[in-house]
Amino acid sequence: MRACRVGLVGAGGVAQRHARVLSGFEDVALVGVTDVARDAAAALAEAYGGRAFADVDGLLAAGVDAVYVCVPPFAHGPVEEAVIAAGVPMFVEKPVALDLETAERIAGLVERRGLLTGVGHHWRYLHMVDQARQLLAGRPVRMVNGAWLDKVPPVAWWARRDSSGGPVVEQAAHVLDLVRLLAGEVTEVTAYGDGTPPPVPDADIDSVTAATLRFASGAVGTLAAACVLGWKHRAGLEILADGLALSLAEDGLTVCDGAGERHLPADPDGARVAVDRAFVDAVRGVGDDVRVRYAEALRTHRLALAVAESARTGRPVALPTGPAARLTAAVADAAPAEPAGVALDA
């Protein structure tokens, strides 16, 4: 079987990571890359193979078997539409969009076309996540506390709400994805932001956000997101079940139960390779281990946007768990003395 011909849309840091991984696969050929920053596209193509293309149409015309969409949140939409129209399998980096309308539209196009997709929630390929699921089997989750406490990444668009969506949407989506996987669907969130942007030029996002989560199972949880540090302090979650406490981070899993405490190491670099390996294998028809397809990522995106919306309005936001849920401006009835809830109605 010939090599899988892959094209990249975007030439930033995450695209460079995928190019580095993909170029190490013997059954992959990098056809090329396109980016609005043409010098960046040319540099990436020179480093890992293929050539720089002026636009997405040119890349698709080169005859690709799969396309990786690695663009900032605000740039999603037109790229995916072009790839879907061409019928080419598509890997999309998270977050899948800036807003819900774009993500819902792309999800609908993907479903109608029956297109193979993957999304870059690589944490699902950490071996410790499988171990956590095994430990939780038969034990109802009672509480989940997630956190992403970090710095402002060194890209100009990140600190703008209309470009990144803010830390919850752009960064903490990894945590929220594992929250959903390990504890089930969230039905309501209440969140607050501090209203103070981080000290970087043109910033208008909240420096910190705190949220409470209510799950369909009856479990409760929290999420904390911050971008006020000069380093990545913590990204992970803690889970409490009957007689069991789990602490998950990219570097490992700590288990506390009746037998004491033990630590199981993780391999984050291995997970970043595994997510690409699984997608390429699916494209080539020799594997079926894509753990987050577009429709699944959309559920995590809805949750992240619900947290961001609640922080913006100061009101609870309800999330139905059906696949057709849409963010609306509907406000649930409430007594005058109580905050109303913004609904994510089906």
C-alpha atoms as a PDB file:
ATOM      1  CA  MET A   1       0.000   0.000   0.000  1.00  0.00           C
ATOM      2  CA  ARG A   2       1.320   3.434  -0.922  1.00  0.00           C
ATOM      3  CA  ALA A   3       2.079   6.077   1.672  1.00  0.00           C
ATOM      4  CA  CYS A   4      -0.739   8.160   3.100  1.00  0.00           C
ATOM      5  CA  ARG A   5      -0.437  11.634   1.536  1.00  0.00           C
ATOM      6  CA  VAL A   6      -1.059  14.282   4.197  1.00  0.00           C
ATOM      7  CA  GLY A   7      -1.468  18.031   3.861  1.00  0.00           C
ATOM      8  CA  LEU A   8      -1.285  20.607   6.652  1.00  0.00           C
ATOM      9  CA  VAL A   9      -3.363  23.766   6.970  1.00  0.00           C
ATOM     10  CA  GLY A  10      -1.515  26.001   9.394  1.00  0.00           C
ATOM     11  CA  ALA A  11       2.182  26.281  10.177  1.00  0.00           C
ATOM     12  CA  GLY A  12       2.187  27.314  13.834  1.00  0.00           C
ATOM     13  CA  GLY A  13       3.457  25.406  16.830  1.00  0.00           C
ATOM     14  CA  VAL A  14       0.821  22.664  16.862  1.00  0.00           C
ATOM     15  CA  ALA A  15       1.179  22.104  13.098  1.00  0.00           C
ATOM     16  CA  GLN A  16       4.928  21.806  13.570  1.00  0.00           C
ATOM     17  CA  ARG A  17       4.363  19.155  16.226  1.00  0.00           C
ATOM     18  CA  HIS A  18       2.105  17.117  13.944  1.00  0.00           C
ATOM     19  CA  ALA A  19       4.560  17.511  11.066  1.00  0.00           C
ATOM     20  CA  ARG A  20       7.372  16.241  13.271  1.00  0.00           C
ATOM     21  CA  VAL A  21       5.348  13.189  14.310  1.00  0.00           C
ATOM     22  CA  LEU A  22       3.937  12.430  10.870  1.00  0.00           C
ATOM     23  CA  SER A  23       7.322  12.730   9.179  1.00  0.00           C
ATOM     24  CA  GLY A  24       8.514   9.936  11.455  1.00  0.00           C
ATOM     25  CA  PHE A  25       5.933   7.480  10.093  1.00  0.00           C
ATOM     26  CA  GLU A  26       7.262   5.358   7.233  1.00  0.00           C
ATOM     27  CA  ASP A  27       3.795   5.094   5.688  1.00  0.00           C
ATOM     28  CA  VAL A  28       3.163   8.861   5.545  1.00  0.00           C
ATOM     29  CA  ALA A  29       4.264  11.395   2.951  1.00  0.00           C
ATOM     30  CA  LEU A  30       3.833  15.088   3.752  1.00  0.00           C
ATOM     31  CA  VAL A  31       2.543  16.663   0.557  1.00  0.00           C
ATOM     32  CA  GLY A  32       2.787  20.212   1.790  1.00  0.00           C
ATOM     33  CA  VAL A  33       1.408  23.016   3.913  1.00  0.00           C
ATOM     34  CA  THR A  34      -0.533  26.223   3.487  1.00  0.00           C
ATOM     35  CA  ASP A  35      -0.749  29.157   5.873  1.00  0.00           C
ATOM     36  CA  VAL A  36      -1.681  32.831   5.645  1.00  0.00           C
ATOM     37  CA  ALA A  37       1.895  33.436   6.779  1.00  0.00           C
ATOM     38  CA  ARG A  38       3.588  32.178   3.613  1.00  0.00           C
ATOM     39  CA  ASP A  39       7.089  32.321   5.055  1.00  0.00           C
ATOM     40  CA  ALA A  40       6.007  30.037   7.893  1.00  0.00           C
ATOM     41  CA  ALA A  41       4.444  27.594   5.426  1.00  0.00           C
ATOM     42  CA  ALA A  42       7.600  27.569   3.348  1.00  0.00           C
ATOM     43  CA  ALA A  43       9.804  26.972   6.398  1.00  0.00           C
ATOM     44  CA  LEU A  44       7.640  24.076   7.598  1.00  0.00           C
ATOM     45  CA  ALA A  45       7.570  22.471   4.150  1.00  0.00           C
ATOM     46  CA  GLU A  46      11.320  22.791   3.858  1.00  0.00           C
ATOM     47  CA  ALA A  47      11.840  21.201   7.272  1.00  0.00           C
ATOM     48  CA  TYR A  48       9.513  18.223   6.884  1.00  0.00           C
ATOM     49  CA  GLY A  49       8.828  17.704   3.207  1.00  0.00           C
ATOM     50  CA  GLY A  50       6.407  18.676   0.507  1.00  0.00           C
ATOM     51  CA  ARG A  51       5.964  22.252  -0.613  1.00  0.00           C
ATOM     52  CA  ALA A  52       4.161  25.403   0.400  1.00  0.00           C
ATOM     53  CA  PHE A  53       0.820  26.075  -1.246  1.00  0.00           C
ATOM     54  CA  ALA A  54      -0.842  29.445  -1.666  1.00  0.00           C
ATOM     55  CA  ASP A  55      -4.209  28.270  -0.344  1.00  0.00           C
ATOM     56  CA  VAL A  56      -6.305  25.304   0.735  1.00  0.00           C
ATOM     57  CA  ASP A  57      -7.632  24.697  -2.763  1.00  0.00           C
ATOM     58  CA  GLY A  58      -4.094  24.306  -4.080  1.00  0.00           C
ATOM     59  CA  LEU A  59      -3.247  21.852  -1.305  1.00  0.00           C
ATOM     60  CA  LEU A  60      -6.361  19.774  -2.006  1.00  0.00           C
ATOM     61  CA  ALA A  61      -5.652  19.776  -5.732  1.00  0.00           C
ATOM     62  CA  ALA A  62      -2.278  18.170  -5.047  1.00  0.00           C
ATOM     63  CA  GLY A  63      -4.042  14.911  -4.278  1.00  0.00           C
ATOM     64  CA  VAL A  64      -4.034  14.422  -0.514  1.00  0.00           C
ATOM     65  CA  ASP A  65      -5.465  11.471   1.402  1.00  0.00           C
ATOM     66  CA  ALA A  66      -5.941  13.466   4.603  1.00  0.00           C
ATOM     67  CA  VAL A  67      -5.719  17.043   5.824  1.00  0.00           C
ATOM     68  CA  TYR A  68      -4.685  18.314   9.256  1.00  0.00           C
ATOM     69  CA  VAL A  69      -6.427  21.576  10.165  1.00  0.00           C
ATOM     70  CA  CYS A  70      -4.177  23.367  12.665  1.00  0.00           C
ATOM     71  CA  VAL A  71      -5.468  26.936  12.744  1.00  0.00           C
ATOM     72  CA  PRO A  72      -6.383  29.356  15.557  1.00  0.00           C
ATOM     73  CA  PRO A  73      -9.959  29.168  16.886  1.00  0.00           C
ATOM     74  CA  PHE A  74     -11.154  32.182  14.900  1.00  0.00           C
ATOM     75  CA  ALA A  75      -9.959  30.683  11.589  1.00  0.00           C
ATOM     76  CA  HIS A  76     -12.066  27.514  11.717  1.00  0.00           C
ATOM     77  CA  GLY A  77     -14.960  27.116   9.332  1.00  0.00           C
ATOM     78  CA  PRO A  78     -13.990  27.878   5.729  1.00  0.00           C
ATOM     79  CA  VAL A  79     -11.042  25.475   5.837  1.00  0.00           C
ATOM     80  CA  GLU A  80     -13.152  22.587   7.077  1.00  0.00           C
ATOM     81  CA  GLU A  81     -15.884  23.359   4.552  1.00  0.00           C
ATOM     82  CA  ALA A  82     -13.386  23.120   1.692  1.00  0.00           C
ATOM     83  CA  VAL A  83     -11.933  19.835   2.972  1.00  0.00           C
ATOM     84  CA  ILE A  84     -15.380  18.320   3.488  1.00  0.00           C
ATOM     85  CA  ALA A  85     -16.504  19.396   0.006  1.00  0.00           C
ATOM     86  CA  ALA A  86     -13.468  17.572  -1.383  1.00  0.00           C
ATOM     87  CA  GLY A  87     -14.392  14.447   0.598  1.00  0.00           C
ATOM     88  CA  VAL A  88     -10.977  14.223   2.264  1.00  0.00           C
ATOM     89  CA  PRO A  89     -10.567  12.765   5.792  1.00  0.00           C
ATOM     90  CA  MET A  90      -9.862  15.572   8.223  1.00  0.00           C
ATOM     91  CA  PHE A  91      -8.008  15.910  11.524  1.00  0.00           C
ATOM     92  CA  VAL A  92      -8.916  19.118  13.376  1.00  0.00           C
ATOM     93  CA  GLU A  93      -6.974  20.580  16.267  1.00  0.00           C
ATOM     94  CA  LYS A  94      -8.945  21.721  19.297  1.00  0.00           C
ATOM     95  CA  PRO A  95     -10.800  23.866  19.951  1.00  0.00           C
ATOM     96  CA  VAL A  96     -12.830  23.015  16.858  1.00  0.00           C
ATOM     97  CA  ALA A  97     -14.121  26.590  16.501  1.00  0.00           C
ATOM     98  CA  LEU A  98     -14.453  29.928  18.228  1.00  0.00           C
ATOM     99  CA  ASP A  99     -18.227  29.654  18.544  1.00  0.00           C
ATOM    100  CA  LEU A 100     -20.901  26.979  18.598  1.00  0.00           C
ATOM    101  CA  GLU A 101     -22.631  27.948  15.348  1.00  0.00           C
ATOM    102  CA  THR A 102     -19.521  27.206  13.285  1.00  0.00           C
ATOM    103  CA  ALA A 103     -18.858  23.914  15.040  1.00  0.00           C
ATOM    104  CA  GLU A 104     -22.489  22.798  14.663  1.00  0.00           C
ATOM    105  CA  ARG A 105     -22.421  23.636  10.953  1.00  0.00           C
ATOM    106  CA  ILE A 106     -19.216  21.698  10.367  1.00  0.00           C
ATOM    107  CA  ALA A 107     -20.532  18.752  12.401  1.00  0.00           C
ATOM    108  CA  GLY A 108     -23.635  18.656  10.222  1.00  0.00           C
ATOM    109  CA  LEU A 109     -21.584  18.688   7.029  1.00  0.00           C
ATOM    110  CA  VAL A 110     -19.336  15.919   8.362  1.00  0.00           C
ATOM    111  CA  GLU A 111     -22.333  13.778   9.287  1.00  0.00           C
ATOM    112  CA  ARG A 112     -24.060  14.244   5.930  1.00  0.00           C
ATOM    113  CA  ARG A 113     -20.868  13.416   4.059  1.00  0.00           C
ATOM    114  CA  GLY A 114     -20.035  10.472   6.320  1.00  0.00           C
ATOM    115  CA  LEU A 115     -16.485  11.803   6.539  1.00  0.00           C
ATOM    116  CA  LEU A 116     -13.745  10.276   8.659  1.00  0.00           C
ATOM    117  CA  THR A 117     -12.586  12.840  11.208  1.00  0.00           C
ATOM    118  CA  GLY A 118     -10.334  13.065  14.230  1.00  0.00           C
ATOM    119  CA  VAL A 119      -9.793  15.848  16.768  1.00  0.00           C
ATOM    120  CA  GLY A 120      -6.624  16.533  18.737  1.00  0.00           C
ATOM    121  CA  HIS A 121      -7.733  15.586  22.243  1.00  0.00           C
ATOM    122  CA  HIS A 122      -4.593  13.509  22.648  1.00  0.00           C
ATOM    123  CA  TRP A 123      -5.035  13.102  26.417  1.00  0.00           C
ATOM    124  CA  ARG A 124      -7.428  10.262  25.634  1.00  0.00           C
ATOM    125  CA  TYR A 125      -4.412   8.252  24.465  1.00  0.00           C
ATOM    126  CA  LEU A 126      -2.629   8.482  27.818  1.00  0.00           C
ATOM    127  CA  HIS A 127      -2.393   4.970  29.268  1.00  0.00           C
ATOM    128  CA  MET A 128      -3.250   6.361  32.692  1.00  0.00           C
ATOM    129  CA  VAL A 129      -6.684   7.408  31.395  1.00  0.00           C
ATOM    130  CA  ASP A 130      -7.454   3.779  30.576  1.00  0.00           C
ATOM    131  CA  GLN A 131      -6.196   2.837  34.038  1.00  0.00           C
ATOM    132  CA  ALA A 132      -8.421   5.472  35.634  1.00  0.00           C
ATOM    133  CA  ARG A 133     -11.451   4.146  33.756  1.00  0.00           C
ATOM    134  CA  GLN A 134     -10.702   0.628  34.954  1.00  0.00           C
ATOM    135  CA  LEU A 135     -10.390   1.801  38.548  1.00  0.00           C
ATOM    136  CA  LEU A 136     -13.673   3.697  38.305  1.00  0.00           C
ATOM    137  CA  ALA A 137     -15.577   0.781  36.793  1.00  0.00           C
ATOM    138  CA  GLY A 138     -18.479  -0.025  39.101  1.00  0.00           C
ATOM    139  CA  ARG A 139     -17.820   3.015  41.322  1.00  0.00           C
ATOM    140  CA  PRO A 140     -20.067   6.040  40.826  1.00  0.00           C
ATOM    141  CA  VAL A 141     -18.100   9.286  40.564  1.00  0.00           C
ATOM    142  CA  ARG A 142     -19.096  11.703  43.327  1.00  0.00           C
ATOM    143  CA  MET A 143     -16.928  14.759  42.643  1.00  0.00           C
ATOM    144  CA  VAL A 144     -14.564  16.059  39.958  1.00  0.00           C
ATOM    145  CA  ASN A 145     -12.226  19.035  40.345  1.00  0.00           C
ATOM    146  CA  GLY A 146     -10.434  20.145  37.189  1.00  0.00           C
ATOM    147  CA  ALA A 147      -7.820  22.851  36.715  1.00  0.00           C
ATOM    148  CA  TRP A 148      -5.682  24.482  34.040  1.00  0.00           C
ATOM    149  CA  LEU A 149      -3.371  27.005  35.676  1.00  0.00           C
ATOM    150  CA  ASP A 150      -0.930  28.454  33.187  1.00  0.00           C
ATOM    151  CA  LYS A 151       0.562  31.462  31.451  1.00  0.00           C
ATOM    152  CA  VAL A 152      -0.533  33.425  28.388  1.00  0.00           C
ATOM    153  CA  PRO A 153       0.902  31.654  25.321  1.00  0.00           C
ATOM    154  CA  PRO A 154       3.199  33.824  23.156  1.00  0.00           C
ATOM    155  CA  VAL A 155       0.793  34.386  20.247  1.00  0.00           C
ATOM    156  CA  ALA A 156      -0.913  37.735  19.683  1.00  0.00           C
ATOM    157  CA  TRP A 157      -4.426  36.375  19.115  1.00  0.00           C
ATOM    158  CA  TRP A 158      -4.622  34.294  22.296  1.00  0.00           C
ATOM    159  CA  ALA A 159      -5.480  37.060  24.780  1.00  0.00           C
ATOM    160  CA  ARG A 160      -8.420  38.308  22.672  1.00  0.00           C
ATOM    161  CA  ARG A 161     -11.843  36.838  23.402  1.00  0.00           C
ATOM    162  CA  ASP A 162     -12.945  37.271  19.781  1.00  0.00           C
ATOM    163  CA  SER A 163      -9.896  35.328  18.574  1.00  0.00           C
ATOM    164  CA  SER A 164      -9.331  32.533  21.108  1.00  0.00           C
ATOM    165  CA  GLY A 165     -12.530  32.272  23.104  1.00  0.00           C
ATOM    166  CA  GLY A 166     -10.508  32.604  26.296  1.00  0.00           C
ATOM    167  CA  PRO A 167      -8.576  30.120  28.468  1.00  0.00           C
ATOM    168  CA  VAL A 168     -11.519  27.790  29.134  1.00  0.00           C
ATOM    169  CA  VAL A 169     -12.221  27.290  25.428  1.00  0.00           C
ATOM    170  CA  GLU A 170      -8.642  27.294  24.163  1.00  0.00           C
ATOM    171  CA  GLN A 171      -6.745  25.578  26.987  1.00  0.00           C
ATOM    172  CA  ALA A 172      -9.028  23.914  29.522  1.00  0.00           C
ATOM    173  CA  ALA A 173     -10.909  21.993  26.813  1.00  0.00           C
ATOM    174  CA  HIS A 174      -8.417  19.143  27.380  1.00  0.00           C
ATOM    175  CA  VAL A 175      -9.494  18.928  31.028  1.00  0.00           C
ATOM    176  CA  LEU A 176     -13.190  19.200  30.190  1.00  0.00           C
ATOM    177  CA  ASP A 177     -12.843  16.404  27.651  1.00  0.00           C
ATOM    178  CA  LEU A 178     -11.485  14.064  30.333  1.00  0.00           C
ATOM    179  CA  VAL A 179     -14.137  15.288  32.771  1.00  0.00           C
ATOM    180  CA  ARG A 180     -16.796  14.122  30.308  1.00  0.00           C
ATOM    181  CA  LEU A 181     -15.021  10.847  29.589  1.00  0.00           C
ATOM    182  CA  LEU A 182     -14.534   9.863  33.227  1.00  0.00           C
ATOM    183  CA  ALA A 183     -17.555  11.388  34.969  1.00  0.00           C
ATOM    184  CA  GLY A 184     -20.206  11.637  32.252  1.00  0.00           C
ATOM    185  CA  GLU A 185     -22.142  14.514  30.758  1.00  0.00           C
ATOM    186  CA  VAL A 186     -22.580  17.861  32.490  1.00  0.00           C
ATOM    187  CA  THR A 187     -26.131  19.232  32.614  1.00  0.00           C
ATOM    188  CA  GLU A 188     -25.545  22.669  34.147  1.00  0.00           C
ATOM    189  CA  VAL A 189     -22.661  25.038  34.839  1.00  0.00           C
ATOM    190  CA  THR A 190     -22.306  28.235  36.816  1.00  0.00           C
ATOM    191  CA  ALA A 191     -19.113  30.207  36.303  1.00  0.00           C
ATOM    192  CA  TYR A 192     -17.517  33.514  37.173  1.00  0.00           C
ATOM    193  CA  GLY A 193     -14.583  35.364  35.676  1.00  0.00           C
ATOM    194  CA  ASP A 194     -12.642  38.076  37.435  1.00  0.00           C
ATOM    195  CA  GLY A 195     -13.231  40.639  34.694  1.00  0.00           C
ATOM    196  CA  THR A 196      -9.555  41.590  34.728  1.00  0.00           C
ATOM    197  CA  PRO A 197      -7.414  40.716  31.696  1.00  0.00           C
ATOM    198  CA  PRO A 198      -3.843  39.448  32.022  1.00  0.00           C
ATOM    199  CA  PRO A 199      -1.105  42.092  31.685  1.00  0.00           C
ATOM    200  CA  VAL A 200      -0.391  41.625  27.967  1.00  0.00           C
ATOM    201  CA  PRO A 201      -1.163  44.023  25.095  1.00  0.00           C
ATOM    202  CA  ASP A 202      -4.807  44.217  23.905  1.00  0.00           C
ATOM    203  CA  ALA A 203      -5.977  41.486  26.275  1.00  0.00           C
ATOM    204  CA  ASP A 204      -9.687  41.356  27.097  1.00  0.00           C
ATOM    205  CA  ILE A 205     -10.095  37.795  28.441  1.00  0.00           C
ATOM    206  CA  ASP A 206     -10.566  36.971  32.113  1.00  0.00           C
ATOM    207  CA  SER A 207      -7.340  36.216  33.930  1.00  0.00           C
ATOM    208  CA  VAL A 208      -9.089  33.614  36.088  1.00  0.00           C
ATOM    209  CA  THR A 209     -12.341  31.675  35.844  1.00  0.00           C
ATOM    210  CA  ALA A 210     -14.028  29.459  38.413  1.00  0.00           C
ATOM    211  CA  ALA A 211     -16.963  27.191  37.597  1.00  0.00           C
ATOM    212  CA  THR A 212     -19.204  24.647  39.278  1.00  0.00           C
ATOM    213  CA  LEU A 213     -20.528  21.672  37.310  1.00  0.00           C
ATOM    214  CA  ARG A 214     -23.594  19.509  37.815  1.00  0.00           C
ATOM    215  CA  PHE A 215     -23.557  16.085  36.134  1.00  0.00           C
ATOM    216  CA  ALA A 216     -26.400  13.976  34.788  1.00  0.00           C
ATOM    217  CA  SER A 217     -25.335  11.241  37.234  1.00  0.00           C
ATOM    218  CA  GLY A 218     -25.809  13.535  40.231  1.00  0.00           C
ATOM    219  CA  ALA A 219     -22.094  14.129  40.693  1.00  0.00           C
ATOM    220  CA  VAL A 220     -20.792  17.654  41.213  1.00  0.00           C
ATOM    221  CA  GLY A 221     -17.557  19.291  40.194  1.00  0.00           C
ATOM    222  CA  THR A 222     -15.500  22.403  39.674  1.00  0.00           C
ATOM    223  CA  LEU A 223     -13.200  23.865  37.048  1.00  0.00           C
ATOM    224  CA  ALA A 224     -10.508  26.488  37.630  1.00  0.00           C
ATOM    225  CA  ALA A 225      -8.722  28.212  34.742  1.00  0.00           C
ATOM    226  CA  ALA A 226      -6.008  30.863  35.014  1.00  0.00           C
ATOM    227  CA  CYS A 227      -3.441  32.524  32.762  1.00  0.00           C
ATOM    228  CA  VAL A 228      -1.644  34.773  35.267  1.00  0.00           C
ATOM    229  CA  LEU A 229       1.509  32.722  35.811  1.00  0.00           C
ATOM    230  CA  GLY A 230       4.821  32.617  34.008  1.00  0.00           C
ATOM    231  CA  TRP A 231       4.762  28.834  33.753  1.00  0.00           C
ATOM    232  CA  LYS A 232       2.364  25.915  33.361  1.00  0.00           C
ATOM    233  CA  HIS A 233       1.597  25.175  36.992  1.00  0.00           C
ATOM    234  CA  ARG A 234      -1.044  22.476  36.770  1.00  0.00           C
ATOM    235  CA  ALA A 235      -3.313  20.905  34.181  1.00  0.00           C
ATOM    236  CA  GLY A 236      -5.393  17.966  35.277  1.00  0.00           C
ATOM    237  CA  LEU A 237      -8.223  16.784  37.476  1.00  0.00           C
ATOM    238  CA  GLU A 238      -9.062  15.040  40.711  1.00  0.00           C
ATOM    239  CA  ILE A 239     -11.864  12.487  40.956  1.00  0.00           C
ATOM    240  CA  LEU A 240     -13.517  11.202  44.100  1.00  0.00           C
ATOM    241  CA  ALA A 241     -15.531   7.989  44.114  1.00  0.00           C
ATOM    242  CA  ASP A 242     -16.535   5.713  46.970  1.00  0.00           C
ATOM    243  CA  GLY A 243     -13.284   4.685  48.656  1.00  0.00           C
ATOM    244  CA  LEU A 244     -11.146   6.044  45.811  1.00  0.00           C
ATOM    245  CA  ALA A 245      -9.332   9.286  44.999  1.00  0.00           C
ATOM    246  CA  LEU A 246      -7.622   9.790  41.638  1.00  0.00           C
ATOM    247  CA  SER A 247      -5.381  12.654  40.580  1.00  0.00           C
ATOM    248  CA  LEU A 248      -4.618  12.883  36.860  1.00  0.00           C
ATOM    249  CA  ALA A 249      -2.118  15.157  35.168  1.00  0.00           C
ATOM    250  CA  GLU A 250      -0.114  14.860  31.959  1.00  0.00           C
ATOM    251  CA  ASP A 251       2.806  13.372  33.881  1.00  0.00           C
ATOM    252  CA  GLY A 252       0.895  10.626  35.637  1.00  0.00           C
ATOM    253  CA  LEU A 253      -1.918   9.225  37.757  1.00  0.00           C
ATOM    254  CA  THR A 254      -1.909   9.155  41.562  1.00  0.00           C
ATOM    255  CA  VAL A 255      -4.231   6.587  43.111  1.00  0.00           C
ATOM    256  CA  CYS A 256      -5.346   6.656  46.744  1.00  0.00           C
ATOM    257  CA  ASP A 257      -7.514   3.840  48.110  1.00  0.00           C
ATOM    258  CA  GLY A 258      -7.632   1.344  50.939  1.00  0.00           C
ATOM    259  CA  ALA A 259      -4.259  -0.039  49.865  1.00  0.00           C
ATOM    260  CA  GLY A 260      -2.542   3.323  50.256  1.00  0.00           C
ATOM    261  CA  GLU A 261      -1.136   5.705  47.665  1.00  0.00           C
ATOM    262  CA  ARG A 262       0.668   4.848  44.452  1.00  0.00           C
ATOM    263  CA  HIS A 263       1.769   6.801  41.394  1.00  0.00           C
ATOM    264  CA  LEU A 264       1.558   5.557  37.827  1.00  0.00           C
ATOM    265  CA  PRO A 265       3.681   7.547  35.329  1.00  0.00           C
ATOM    266  CA  ALA A 266       2.310   8.833  32.038  1.00  0.00           C
ATOM    267  CA  ASP A 267       3.863   9.336  28.615  1.00  0.00           C
ATOM    268  CA  PRO A 268       2.490  12.583  27.126  1.00  0.00           C
ATOM    269  CA  ASP A 269       4.824  12.449  24.126  1.00  0.00           C
ATOM    270  CA  GLY A 270       3.640   8.928  23.416  1.00  0.00           C
ATOM    271  CA  ALA A 271       0.032  10.127  23.491  1.00  0.00           C
ATOM    272  CA  ARG A 272       0.821  12.848  20.944  1.00  0.00           C
ATOM    273  CA  VAL A 273       2.252  10.191  18.639  1.00  0.00           C
ATOM    274  CA  ALA A 274      -0.622   7.782  19.291  1.00  0.00           C
ATOM    275  CA  VAL A 275      -3.334  10.251  18.290  1.00  0.00           C
ATOM    276  CA  ASP A 276      -1.678  10.756  14.885  1.00  0.00           C
ATOM    277  CA  ARG A 277      -0.933   7.056  14.455  1.00  0.00           C
ATOM    278  CA  ALA A 278      -4.572   6.177  15.098  1.00  0.00           C
ATOM    279  CA  PHE A 279      -5.860   8.714  12.596  1.00  0.00           C
ATOM    280  CA  VAL A 280      -3.434   7.691   9.852  1.00  0.00           C
ATOM    281  CA  ASP A 281      -4.282   4.027  10.401  1.00  0.00           C
ATOM    282  CA  ALA A 282      -7.983   4.832  10.093  1.00  0.00           C
ATOM    283  CA  VAL A 283      -7.381   6.764   6.863  1.00  0.00           C
ATOM    284  CA  ARG A 284      -5.394   3.832   5.455  1.00  0.00           C
ATOM    285  CA  GLY A 285      -8.110   1.391   6.551  1.00  0.00           C
ATOM    286  CA  VAL A 286      -5.818  -0.649   8.814  1.00  0.00           C
ATOM    287  CA  GLY A 287      -7.051   0.559  12.203  1.00  0.00           C
ATOM    288  CA  ASP A 288     -10.068   1.874  14.100  1.00  0.00           C
ATOM    289  CA  ASP A 289      -8.829   3.668  17.210  1.00  0.00           C
ATOM    290  CA  VAL A 290      -9.851   7.277  16.587  1.00  0.00           C
ATOM    291  CA  ARG A 291     -11.086   8.110  20.080  1.00  0.00           C
ATOM    292  CA  VAL A 292     -12.413  11.616  19.444  1.00  0.00           C
ATOM    293  CA  ARG A 293     -14.224  12.244  16.188  1.00  0.00           C
ATOM    294  CA  TYR A 294     -15.738  15.612  15.368  1.00  0.00           C
ATOM    295  CA  ALA A 295     -19.170  14.846  16.868  1.00  0.00           C
ATOM    296  CA  GLU A 296     -17.567  13.826  20.171  1.00  0.00           C
ATOM    297  CA  ALA A 297     -15.334  16.911  20.256  1.00  0.00           C
ATOM    298  CA  LEU A 298     -18.431  19.028  19.666  1.00  0.00           C
ATOM    299  CA  ARG A 299     -19.845  17.877  23.011  1.00  0.00           C
ATOM    300  CA  THR A 300     -16.692  19.049  24.801  1.00  0.00           C
ATOM    301  CA  HIS A 301     -16.808  22.319  22.865  1.00  0.00           C
ATOM    302  CA  ARG A 302     -20.407  22.900  23.971  1.00  0.00           C
ATOM    303  CA  LEU A 303     -19.360  22.414  27.578  1.00  0.00           C
ATOM    304  CA  ALA A 304     -16.415  24.817  27.295  1.00  0.00           C
ATOM    305  CA  LEU A 305     -18.616  27.444  25.663  1.00  0.00           C
ATOM    306  CA  ALA A 306     -21.253  26.983  28.363  1.00  0.00           C
ATOM    307  CA  VAL A 307     -18.638  27.739  31.030  1.00  0.00           C
ATOM    308  CA  ALA A 308     -17.462  30.781  29.074  1.00  0.00           C
ATOM    309  CA  GLU A 309     -21.043  31.991  28.586  1.00  0.00           C
ATOM    310  CA  SER A 310     -21.886  31.613  32.260  1.00  0.00           C
ATOM    311  CA  ALA A 311     -18.738  33.505  33.231  1.00  0.00           C
ATOM    312  CA  ARG A 312     -19.705  36.275  30.818  1.00  0.00           C
ATOM    313  CA  THR A 313     -23.292  36.611  32.028  1.00  0.00           C
ATOM    314  CA  GLY A 314     -23.012  35.499  35.654  1.00  0.00           C
ATOM    315  CA  ARG A 315     -25.950  33.130  35.120  1.00  0.00           C
ATOM    316  CA  PRO A 316     -26.246  29.327  35.084  1.00  0.00           C
ATOM    317  CA  VAL A 317     -26.196  27.647  31.688  1.00  0.00           C
ATOM    318  CA  ALA A 318     -28.037  24.369  31.095  1.00  0.00           C
ATOM    319  CA  LEU A 319     -26.733  21.744  28.690  1.00  0.00           C
ATOM    320  CA  PRO A 320     -28.973  19.045  27.268  1.00  0.00           C
ATOM    321  CA  THR A 321     -27.037  15.927  26.382  1.00  0.00           C
ATOM    322  CA  GLY A 322     -28.621  15.331  22.971  1.00  0.00           C
ATOM    323  CA  PRO A 323     -26.418  15.639  19.869  1.00  0.00           C
ATOM    324  CA  ALA A 324     -28.464  18.489  18.386  1.00  0.00           C
ATOM    325  CA  ALA A 325     -28.077  20.880  21.337  1.00  0.00           C
ATOM    326  CA  ARG A 326     -27.527  24.492  20.359  1.00  0.00           C
ATOM    327  CA  LEU A 327     -26.461  27.516  22.342  1.00  0.00           C
ATOM    328  CA  THR A 328     -29.396  29.922  22.461  1.00  0.00           C
ATOM    329  CA  ALA A 329     -30.267  33.095  24.208  1.00  0.00           C
ATOM    330  CA  ALA A 330     -33.208  31.460  25.972  1.00  0.00           C
ATOM    331  CA  VAL A 331     -33.271  32.196  29.664  1.00  0.00           C
ATOM    332  CA  ALA A 332     -34.895  29.731  32.036  1.00  0.00           C
ATOM    333  CA  ASP A 333     -37.692  31.048  34.264  1.00  0.00           C
ATOM    334  CA  ALA A 334     -36.530  31.892  37.767  1.00  0.00           C
ATOM    335  CA  ALA A 335     -37.811  33.680  40.819  1.00  0.00           C
ATOM    336  CA  PRO A 336     -36.893  37.393  40.850  1.00  0.00           C
ATOM    337  CA  ALA A 337     -34.399  36.872  43.656  1.00  0.00           C
ATOM    338  CA  GLU A 338     -32.560  34.056  41.830  1.00  0.00           C
ATOM    339  CA  PRO A 339     -30.302  34.207  38.743  1.00  0.00           C
ATOM    340  CA  ALA A 340     -31.816  32.949  35.522  1.00  0.00           C
ATOM    341  CA  GLY A 341     -30.212  30.148  33.536  1.00  0.00           C
ATOM    342  CA  VAL A 342     -29.150  30.444  29.919  1.00  0.00           C
ATOM    343  CA  ALA A 343     -30.219  27.230  28.187  1.00  0.00           C
ATOM    344  CA  LEU A 344     -28.387  25.160  25.627  1.00  0.00           C
ATOM    345  CA  ASP A 345     -31.619  23.892  24.080  1.00  0.00           C
ATOM    346  CA  ALA A 346     -32.090  21.061  21.623  1.00  0.00           C
END
